[in-house]
Amino acid sequence: MTGRRCANGKAEGTILDDGRGQQEYIHQVLEAYRNTPGTMGTVRRPDRVLAAQLYQRGVSMSMIENAFVLAATRRLMRPAEAPPLGTIRSLAYFLPVIEEVLTLRVSPEYFQHVRRKLERIAPTR
């Protein structure tokens, strides 16, 4: 395994390339996106381009998954009287949350907690 680190040294982490490389990473990001509650469930070319950019930046898959979970949970935890939100149609929707997760200093247990909450409240597809 070899590690890649982002050139700017931000907290984006190291991606360990176990031989599967960029294509496998893109596939994992897009599958996680597609299966996130509130998304359309389809992938478009701009989504693939953004996933490749995230790979080039060295953003770890766990950071991306944490951002998906955090954003989806926030959307579902809105007050009942709030107007409904539209369907997420682009991976780019999650970019600000990915940036936020990269700067957070919380334990992995926090995201496990949020993930369990999402599993309880998310409608099944």
C-alpha atoms as a PDB file:
ATOM      1  CA  MET A   1       0.000   0.000   0.000  1.00  0.00           C
ATOM      2  CA  THR A   2       1.110   3.501  -0.719  1.00  0.00           C
ATOM      3  CA  GLY A   3      -0.202   6.686   0.797  1.00  0.00           C
ATOM      4  CA  ARG A   4      -1.031   9.915  -0.989  1.00  0.00           C
ATOM      5  CA  ARG A   5      -1.298  13.202   0.837  1.00  0.00           C
ATOM      6  CA  CYS A   6      -2.897  16.372  -0.347  1.00  0.00           C
ATOM      7  CA  ALA A   7      -0.381  18.970  -1.516  1.00  0.00           C
ATOM      8  CA  ASN A   8      -1.739  21.718   0.724  1.00  0.00           C
ATOM      9  CA  GLY A   9      -1.360  19.550   3.844  1.00  0.00           C
ATOM     10  CA  LYS A  10      -4.905  20.201   5.089  1.00  0.00           C
ATOM     11  CA  ALA A  11      -6.653  17.694   7.321  1.00  0.00           C
ATOM     12  CA  GLU A  12      -7.831  15.807   4.288  1.00  0.00           C
ATOM     13  CA  GLY A  13      -5.824  12.825   5.363  1.00  0.00           C
ATOM     14  CA  THR A  14      -4.049  10.133   3.513  1.00  0.00           C
ATOM     15  CA  ILE A  15      -5.700   7.831   1.031  1.00  0.00           C
ATOM     16  CA  LEU A  16      -4.158   4.421   1.038  1.00  0.00           C
ATOM     17  CA  ASP A  17      -4.013   3.123  -2.494  1.00  0.00           C
ATOM     18  CA  ASP A  18      -4.203  -0.652  -2.265  1.00  0.00           C
ATOM     19  CA  GLY A  19      -3.992  -1.143  -6.015  1.00  0.00           C
ATOM     20  CA  ARG A  20      -7.630  -0.332  -6.769  1.00  0.00           C
ATOM     21  CA  GLY A  21      -6.841   3.315  -7.241  1.00  0.00           C
ATOM     22  CA  GLN A  22      -8.905   6.156  -8.502  1.00  0.00           C
ATOM     23  CA  GLN A  23     -11.609   4.182 -10.300  1.00  0.00           C
ATOM     24  CA  GLU A  24     -12.467   2.162  -7.192  1.00  0.00           C
ATOM     25  CA  TYR A  25     -12.499   5.321  -5.080  1.00  0.00           C
ATOM     26  CA  ILE A  26     -14.850   7.048  -7.536  1.00  0.00           C
ATOM     27  CA  HIS A  27     -17.105   3.989  -7.554  1.00  0.00           C
ATOM     28  CA  GLN A  28     -17.242   3.953  -3.727  1.00  0.00           C
ATOM     29  CA  VAL A  29     -18.011   7.681  -3.509  1.00  0.00           C
ATOM     30  CA  LEU A  30     -20.752   7.472  -6.116  1.00  0.00           C
ATOM     31  CA  GLU A  31     -22.328   4.373  -4.549  1.00  0.00           C
ATOM     32  CA  ALA A  32     -22.357   6.041  -1.132  1.00  0.00           C
ATOM     33  CA  TYR A  33     -23.859   9.179  -2.691  1.00  0.00           C
ATOM     34  CA  ARG A  34     -26.462   7.189  -4.604  1.00  0.00           C
ATOM     35  CA  ASN A  35     -27.543   5.371  -1.440  1.00  0.00           C
ATOM     36  CA  THR A  36     -27.723   8.459   0.773  1.00  0.00           C
ATOM     37  CA  PRO A  37     -31.283   9.303   1.863  1.00  0.00           C
ATOM     38  CA  GLY A  38     -32.649  12.353   0.072  1.00  0.00           C
ATOM     39  CA  THR A  39     -30.681  11.873  -3.145  1.00  0.00           C
ATOM     40  CA  MET A  40     -32.138  11.104  -6.533  1.00  0.00           C
ATOM     41  CA  GLY A  41     -30.297   7.792  -6.618  1.00  0.00           C
ATOM     42  CA  THR A  42     -28.740   8.482  -9.987  1.00  0.00           C
ATOM     43  CA  VAL A  43     -25.243   9.613 -10.917  1.00  0.00           C
ATOM     44  CA  ARG A  44     -24.364  12.147 -13.592  1.00  0.00           C
ATOM     45  CA  ARG A  45     -21.106  13.079 -15.271  1.00  0.00           C
ATOM     46  CA  PRO A  46     -20.459  16.134 -13.047  1.00  0.00           C
ATOM     47  CA  ASP A  47     -20.753  13.817 -10.030  1.00  0.00           C
ATOM     48  CA  ARG A  48     -18.018  11.595 -11.473  1.00  0.00           C
ATOM     49  CA  VAL A  49     -15.812  14.615 -12.125  1.00  0.00           C
ATOM     50  CA  LEU A  50     -16.261  15.854  -8.544  1.00  0.00           C
ATOM     51  CA  ALA A  51     -15.502  12.384  -7.137  1.00  0.00           C
ATOM     52  CA  ALA A  52     -12.257  12.364  -9.141  1.00  0.00           C
ATOM     53  CA  GLN A  53     -11.390  15.815  -7.767  1.00  0.00           C
ATOM     54  CA  LEU A  54     -11.972  14.575  -4.221  1.00  0.00           C
ATOM     55  CA  TYR A  55      -9.608  11.679  -4.945  1.00  0.00           C
ATOM     56  CA  GLN A  56      -6.978  14.079  -6.262  1.00  0.00           C
ATOM     57  CA  ARG A  57      -7.326  16.193  -3.111  1.00  0.00           C
ATOM     58  CA  GLY A  58      -6.793  13.121  -0.947  1.00  0.00           C
ATOM     59  CA  VAL A  59     -10.161  13.293   0.836  1.00  0.00           C
ATOM     60  CA  SER A  60     -10.668   9.980   2.602  1.00  0.00           C
ATOM     61  CA  MET A  61     -13.725   7.865   1.975  1.00  0.00           C
ATOM     62  CA  SER A  62     -14.591   7.961   5.679  1.00  0.00           C
ATOM     63  CA  MET A  63     -14.711  11.779   5.597  1.00  0.00           C
ATOM     64  CA  ILE A  64     -17.039  11.692   2.609  1.00  0.00           C
ATOM     65  CA  GLU A  65     -19.307   9.094   4.207  1.00  0.00           C
ATOM     66  CA  ASN A  66     -19.393  11.114   7.419  1.00  0.00           C
ATOM     67  CA  ALA A  67     -20.435  14.195   5.435  1.00  0.00           C
ATOM     68  CA  PHE A  68     -23.225  12.261   3.687  1.00  0.00           C
ATOM     69  CA  VAL A  69     -24.517  10.979   7.024  1.00  0.00           C
ATOM     70  CA  LEU A  70     -24.341  14.393   8.679  1.00  0.00           C
ATOM     71  CA  ALA A  71     -26.100  16.195   5.828  1.00  0.00           C
ATOM     72  CA  ALA A  72     -28.810  13.547   5.423  1.00  0.00           C
ATOM     73  CA  THR A  73     -29.518  13.523   9.159  1.00  0.00           C
ATOM     74  CA  ARG A  74     -29.737  17.303   9.304  1.00  0.00           C
ATOM     75  CA  ARG A  75     -32.231  17.287   6.445  1.00  0.00           C
ATOM     76  CA  LEU A  76     -34.398  14.646   8.115  1.00  0.00           C
ATOM     77  CA  MET A  77     -34.292  16.250  11.587  1.00  0.00           C
ATOM     78  CA  ARG A  78     -36.027  19.432  10.464  1.00  0.00           C
ATOM     79  CA  PRO A  79     -39.169  20.586  12.283  1.00  0.00           C
ATOM     80  CA  ALA A  80     -42.348  18.852  11.135  1.00  0.00           C
ATOM     81  CA  GLU A  81     -43.932  22.179  10.157  1.00  0.00           C
ATOM     82  CA  ALA A  82     -41.003  23.143   7.912  1.00  0.00           C
ATOM     83  CA  PRO A  83     -41.676  22.983   4.184  1.00  0.00           C
ATOM     84  CA  PRO A  84     -40.351  19.831   2.530  1.00  0.00           C
ATOM     85  CA  LEU A  85     -36.938  19.945   0.912  1.00  0.00           C
ATOM     86  CA  GLY A  86     -36.383  18.958  -2.685  1.00  0.00           C
ATOM     87  CA  THR A  87     -34.453  15.914  -3.766  1.00  0.00           C
ATOM     88  CA  ILE A  88     -30.655  16.215  -3.836  1.00  0.00           C
ATOM     89  CA  ARG A  89     -29.637  16.032  -7.497  1.00  0.00           C
ATOM     90  CA  SER A  90     -25.882  16.509  -7.349  1.00  0.00           C
ATOM     91  CA  LEU A  91     -22.879  15.318  -5.386  1.00  0.00           C
ATOM     92  CA  ALA A  92     -21.870  18.996  -5.276  1.00  0.00           C
ATOM     93  CA  TYR A  93     -24.667  19.574  -2.729  1.00  0.00           C
ATOM     94  CA  PHE A  94     -22.474  17.785  -0.176  1.00  0.00           C
ATOM     95  CA  LEU A  95     -19.277  19.738  -0.868  1.00  0.00           C
ATOM     96  CA  PRO A  96     -19.802  22.346   1.900  1.00  0.00           C
ATOM     97  CA  VAL A  97     -20.516  19.553   4.397  1.00  0.00           C
ATOM     98  CA  ILE A  98     -17.422  17.631   3.258  1.00  0.00           C
ATOM     99  CA  GLU A  99     -15.391  20.807   3.877  1.00  0.00           C
ATOM    100  CA  GLU A 100     -17.027  21.171   7.290  1.00  0.00           C
ATOM    101  CA  VAL A 101     -16.280  17.556   8.252  1.00  0.00           C
ATOM    102  CA  LEU A 102     -12.637  18.039   7.247  1.00  0.00           C
ATOM    103  CA  THR A 103     -12.332  20.813   9.834  1.00  0.00           C
ATOM    104  CA  LEU A 104     -14.292  19.156  12.658  1.00  0.00           C
ATOM    105  CA  ARG A 105     -12.417  17.870  15.660  1.00  0.00           C
ATOM    106  CA  VAL A 106     -14.858  15.264  16.964  1.00  0.00           C
ATOM    107  CA  SER A 107     -14.419  11.620  17.832  1.00  0.00           C
ATOM    108  CA  PRO A 108     -15.383   8.843  15.411  1.00  0.00           C
ATOM    109  CA  GLU A 109     -18.043   7.877  17.957  1.00  0.00           C
ATOM    110  CA  TYR A 110     -19.907  11.081  17.130  1.00  0.00           C
ATOM    111  CA  PHE A 111     -20.377   9.986  13.533  1.00  0.00           C
ATOM    112  CA  GLN A 112     -21.373   6.491  14.684  1.00  0.00           C
ATOM    113  CA  HIS A 113     -24.061   8.133  16.815  1.00  0.00           C
ATOM    114  CA  VAL A 114     -25.274  10.260  13.891  1.00  0.00           C
ATOM    115  CA  ARG A 115     -25.243   7.191  11.615  1.00  0.00           C
ATOM    116  CA  ARG A 116     -27.427   5.232  14.088  1.00  0.00           C
ATOM    117  CA  LYS A 117     -29.828   8.169  14.315  1.00  0.00           C
ATOM    118  CA  LEU A 118     -30.051   8.327  10.521  1.00  0.00           C
ATOM    119  CA  GLU A 119     -30.772   4.584  10.325  1.00  0.00           C
ATOM    120  CA  ARG A 120     -33.717   5.092  12.725  1.00  0.00           C
ATOM    121  CA  ILE A 121     -35.253   8.079  10.960  1.00  0.00           C
ATOM    122  CA  ALA A 122     -34.464   7.558   7.276  1.00  0.00           C
ATOM    123  CA  PRO A 123     -37.195   6.196   5.050  1.00  0.00           C
ATOM    124  CA  THR A 124     -36.251   3.036   3.212  1.00  0.00           C
ATOM    125  CA  ARG A 125     -35.810   3.247  -0.536  1.00  0.00           C
END
